[in-house]
Amino acid sequence: LSAWRGWRPLARDPHAAPGAPASRDHVISRDPATNVVFAAGGKWTTWREMSEELIDEVCVDFENAEPCTTTSIGLLGRDGWEPTLAVQLVQHGGVRAEVANHLAQAYGGRAWDVLALARPTGKRYPRFGI
């Protein structure tokens, strides 16, 4: 069981029309007085998109800078993940289907590493508990 609570930042785009409402989307902008680039607002699930846009904006100042490549870089756990990973965790890891699904979705190919940290339950099934 897990829960998340926090404040969602709202950003007002400095380039938006006067009186435009604050947005739940992120804003990447540059302060014309200082030339500082900043990111504001956004959602937990768009952090990669925000970082890509921020890097692309900063790179405008550099000759020979290439666009951000974050979309081509796999996240931790990508290697070793496959659609049948949860089934493999049940069959060879001795965990319940609910645990296997959680491990596969949360850790991808690193699920085996997490499972290796589990302690034996002393039962025939499930053999390990998390």
C-alpha atoms as a PDB file:
ATOM      1  CA  LEU A   1       0.000   0.000   0.000  1.00  0.00           C
ATOM      2  CA  SER A   2       1.340   3.416  -0.856  1.00  0.00           C
ATOM      3  CA  ALA A   3       0.012   6.928  -1.088  1.00  0.00           C
ATOM      4  CA  TRP A   4       1.197  10.216  -2.475  1.00  0.00           C
ATOM      5  CA  ARG A   5       0.120  13.648  -1.499  1.00  0.00           C
ATOM      6  CA  GLY A   6       1.495  16.974  -2.485  1.00  0.00           C
ATOM      7  CA  TRP A   7       0.793  20.358  -3.916  1.00  0.00           C
ATOM      8  CA  ARG A   8       0.483  20.659  -7.645  1.00  0.00           C
ATOM      9  CA  PRO A   9       2.270  23.780  -8.797  1.00  0.00           C
ATOM     10  CA  LEU A  10       0.387  26.062 -11.121  1.00  0.00           C
ATOM     11  CA  ALA A  11       2.421  28.173 -13.484  1.00  0.00           C
ATOM     12  CA  ARG A  12       1.517  31.394 -15.166  1.00  0.00           C
ATOM     13  CA  ASP A  13       3.203  31.633 -18.549  1.00  0.00           C
ATOM     14  CA  PRO A  14       4.970  34.998 -18.765  1.00  0.00           C
ATOM     15  CA  HIS A  15       4.360  35.007 -22.533  1.00  0.00           C
ATOM     16  CA  ALA A  16       0.618  34.332 -22.248  1.00  0.00           C
ATOM     17  CA  ALA A  17      -1.995  36.988 -22.900  1.00  0.00           C
ATOM     18  CA  PRO A  18      -2.827  39.268 -19.965  1.00  0.00           C
ATOM     19  CA  GLY A  19      -5.431  37.677 -17.705  1.00  0.00           C
ATOM     20  CA  ALA A  20      -4.761  34.146 -18.978  1.00  0.00           C
ATOM     21  CA  PRO A  21      -5.362  31.551 -16.256  1.00  0.00           C
ATOM     22  CA  ALA A  22      -2.588  29.642 -14.525  1.00  0.00           C
ATOM     23  CA  SER A  23      -1.955  26.263 -16.078  1.00  0.00           C
ATOM     24  CA  ARG A  24      -1.311  22.778 -14.762  1.00  0.00           C
ATOM     25  CA  ASP A  25       1.050  22.315 -17.712  1.00  0.00           C
ATOM     26  CA  HIS A  26       4.696  23.178 -17.331  1.00  0.00           C
ATOM     27  CA  VAL A  27       6.244  26.404 -18.575  1.00  0.00           C
ATOM     28  CA  ILE A  28       9.796  26.745 -19.896  1.00  0.00           C
ATOM     29  CA  SER A  29      10.823  30.372 -20.199  1.00  0.00           C
ATOM     30  CA  ARG A  30      13.794  32.686 -20.213  1.00  0.00           C
ATOM     31  CA  ASP A  31      14.060  35.823 -18.118  1.00  0.00           C
ATOM     32  CA  PRO A  32      14.910  38.563 -20.636  1.00  0.00           C
ATOM     33  CA  ALA A  33      16.739  40.635 -18.010  1.00  0.00           C
ATOM     34  CA  THR A  34      19.074  37.873 -16.767  1.00  0.00           C
ATOM     35  CA  ASN A  35      18.879  35.305 -19.588  1.00  0.00           C
ATOM     36  CA  VAL A  36      18.203  32.625 -16.942  1.00  0.00           C
ATOM     37  CA  VAL A  37      16.109  29.724 -18.206  1.00  0.00           C
ATOM     38  CA  PHE A  38      13.574  28.268 -15.784  1.00  0.00           C
ATOM     39  CA  ALA A  39      10.954  25.554 -15.582  1.00  0.00           C
ATOM     40  CA  ALA A  40       7.793  25.889 -13.525  1.00  0.00           C
ATOM     41  CA  GLY A  41       4.623  23.910 -12.980  1.00  0.00           C
ATOM     42  CA  GLY A  42       4.060  20.587 -14.601  1.00  0.00           C
ATOM     43  CA  LYS A  43       2.956  17.157 -13.510  1.00  0.00           C
ATOM     44  CA  TRP A  44       4.773  14.245 -11.929  1.00  0.00           C
ATOM     45  CA  THR A  45       4.355  12.220 -15.118  1.00  0.00           C
ATOM     46  CA  THR A  46       5.841  14.834 -17.476  1.00  0.00           C
ATOM     47  CA  TRP A  47       9.230  15.334 -15.819  1.00  0.00           C
ATOM     48  CA  ARG A  48      11.072  13.844 -18.784  1.00  0.00           C
ATOM     49  CA  GLU A  49       9.325  16.084 -21.285  1.00  0.00           C
ATOM     50  CA  MET A  50      10.013  19.108 -19.073  1.00  0.00           C
ATOM     51  CA  SER A  51      13.702  18.294 -18.793  1.00  0.00           C
ATOM     52  CA  GLU A  52      14.009  17.781 -22.545  1.00  0.00           C
ATOM     53  CA  GLU A  53      12.404  21.145 -23.302  1.00  0.00           C
ATOM     54  CA  LEU A  54      14.549  22.855 -20.662  1.00  0.00           C
ATOM     55  CA  ILE A  55      17.792  21.409 -22.051  1.00  0.00           C
ATOM     56  CA  ASP A  56      16.787  22.315 -25.600  1.00  0.00           C
ATOM     57  CA  GLU A  57      16.141  25.910 -24.506  1.00  0.00           C
ATOM     58  CA  VAL A  58      19.474  26.163 -22.668  1.00  0.00           C
ATOM     59  CA  CYS A  59      21.333  24.685 -25.654  1.00  0.00           C
ATOM     60  CA  VAL A  60      20.152  27.576 -27.833  1.00  0.00           C
ATOM     61  CA  ASP A  61      23.040  29.516 -26.275  1.00  0.00           C
ATOM     62  CA  PHE A  62      25.721  27.046 -27.358  1.00  0.00           C
ATOM     63  CA  GLU A  63      27.160  26.499 -30.800  1.00  0.00           C
ATOM     64  CA  ASN A  64      27.159  22.898 -32.024  1.00  0.00           C
ATOM     65  CA  ALA A  65      24.781  21.831 -29.253  1.00  0.00           C
ATOM     66  CA  GLU A  66      22.563  18.940 -30.230  1.00  0.00           C
ATOM     67  CA  PRO A  67      18.951  18.502 -29.140  1.00  0.00           C
ATOM     68  CA  CYS A  68      18.267  16.584 -25.943  1.00  0.00           C
ATOM     69  CA  THR A  69      18.183  12.811 -26.354  1.00  0.00           C
ATOM     70  CA  THR A  70      16.304  11.791 -23.221  1.00  0.00           C
ATOM     71  CA  THR A  71      13.576   9.988 -25.160  1.00  0.00           C
ATOM     72  CA  SER A  72      16.134   7.566 -26.588  1.00  0.00           C
ATOM     73  CA  ILE A  73      17.633   6.736 -23.179  1.00  0.00           C
ATOM     74  CA  GLY A  74      15.917   3.855 -21.421  1.00  0.00           C
ATOM     75  CA  LEU A  75      14.847   4.163 -17.827  1.00  0.00           C
ATOM     76  CA  LEU A  76      16.397   1.957 -15.158  1.00  0.00           C
ATOM     77  CA  GLY A  77      14.744  -1.454 -15.345  1.00  0.00           C
ATOM     78  CA  ARG A  78      14.185  -1.413 -19.089  1.00  0.00           C
ATOM     79  CA  ASP A  79      16.820  -4.076 -19.661  1.00  0.00           C
ATOM     80  CA  GLY A  80      15.476  -7.491 -18.771  1.00  0.00           C
ATOM     81  CA  TRP A  81      11.817  -6.452 -18.903  1.00  0.00           C
ATOM     82  CA  GLU A  82       9.478  -8.428 -21.099  1.00  0.00           C
ATOM     83  CA  PRO A  83       5.706  -8.923 -21.181  1.00  0.00           C
ATOM     84  CA  THR A  84       5.965 -12.278 -19.383  1.00  0.00           C
ATOM     85  CA  LEU A  85       8.188 -11.031 -16.552  1.00  0.00           C
ATOM     86  CA  ALA A  86       5.435 -11.251 -13.909  1.00  0.00           C
ATOM     87  CA  VAL A  87       4.705 -14.858 -14.912  1.00  0.00           C
ATOM     88  CA  GLN A  88       8.402 -15.703 -14.667  1.00  0.00           C
ATOM     89  CA  LEU A  89       8.558 -14.140 -11.198  1.00  0.00           C
ATOM     90  CA  VAL A  90       5.671 -16.350 -10.068  1.00  0.00           C
ATOM     91  CA  GLN A  91       7.078 -19.506 -11.648  1.00  0.00           C
ATOM     92  CA  HIS A  92      10.731 -19.113 -10.739  1.00  0.00           C
ATOM     93  CA  GLY A  93      10.653 -16.609  -7.913  1.00  0.00           C
ATOM     94  CA  GLY A  94       7.931 -18.247  -5.853  1.00  0.00           C
ATOM     95  CA  VAL A  95       5.930 -15.086  -5.168  1.00  0.00           C
ATOM     96  CA  ARG A  96       2.193 -14.467  -5.428  1.00  0.00           C
ATOM     97  CA  ALA A  97       0.849 -13.044  -8.685  1.00  0.00           C
ATOM     98  CA  GLU A  98       0.008  -9.698  -7.028  1.00  0.00           C
ATOM     99  CA  VAL A  99       3.597  -9.332  -5.807  1.00  0.00           C
ATOM    100  CA  ALA A 100       5.000 -10.407  -9.171  1.00  0.00           C
ATOM    101  CA  ASN A 101       2.835  -7.886 -11.031  1.00  0.00           C
ATOM    102  CA  HIS A 102       3.896  -5.106  -8.677  1.00  0.00           C
ATOM    103  CA  LEU A 103       7.590  -5.966  -8.994  1.00  0.00           C
ATOM    104  CA  ALA A 104       7.433  -6.183 -12.796  1.00  0.00           C
ATOM    105  CA  GLN A 105       5.566  -2.883 -13.128  1.00  0.00           C
ATOM    106  CA  ALA A 106       7.589  -0.959 -10.544  1.00  0.00           C
ATOM    107  CA  TYR A 107      11.097  -2.299 -11.177  1.00  0.00           C
ATOM    108  CA  GLY A 108      11.059  -3.825 -14.656  1.00  0.00           C
ATOM    109  CA  GLY A 109      14.101  -5.997 -15.259  1.00  0.00           C
ATOM    110  CA  ARG A 110      15.431  -5.029 -11.836  1.00  0.00           C
ATOM    111  CA  ALA A 111      12.575  -7.009 -10.225  1.00  0.00           C
ATOM    112  CA  TRP A 112      14.911  -9.974  -9.863  1.00  0.00           C
ATOM    113  CA  ASP A 113      17.323  -7.806  -7.868  1.00  0.00           C
ATOM    114  CA  VAL A 114      14.514  -6.706  -5.557  1.00  0.00           C
ATOM    115  CA  LEU A 115      13.323 -10.284  -5.196  1.00  0.00           C
ATOM    116  CA  ALA A 116      16.848 -11.345  -4.229  1.00  0.00           C
ATOM    117  CA  LEU A 117      16.541  -9.068  -1.189  1.00  0.00           C
ATOM    118  CA  ALA A 118      13.355 -10.822  -0.018  1.00  0.00           C
ATOM    119  CA  ARG A 119      13.473 -13.155   2.959  1.00  0.00           C
ATOM    120  CA  PRO A 120      12.279 -16.757   2.918  1.00  0.00           C
ATOM    121  CA  THR A 121       8.842 -17.210   4.491  1.00  0.00           C
ATOM    122  CA  GLY A 122       9.483 -20.796   5.602  1.00  0.00           C
ATOM    123  CA  LYS A 123       6.328 -21.811   3.709  1.00  0.00           C
ATOM    124  CA  ARG A 124       5.986 -23.988   0.676  1.00  0.00           C
ATOM    125  CA  TYR A 125       4.198 -21.164  -1.161  1.00  0.00           C
ATOM    126  CA  PRO A 126       4.875 -18.299  -1.326  1.00  0.00           C
ATOM    127  CA  ARG A 127       8.497 -19.114  -0.642  1.00  0.00           C
ATOM    128  CA  PHE A 128       9.541 -15.499  -0.253  1.00  0.00           C
ATOM    129  CA  GLY A 129       7.898 -12.426   1.231  1.00  0.00           C
ATOM    130  CA  ILE A 130       8.421  -8.821   0.405  1.00  0.00           C
END
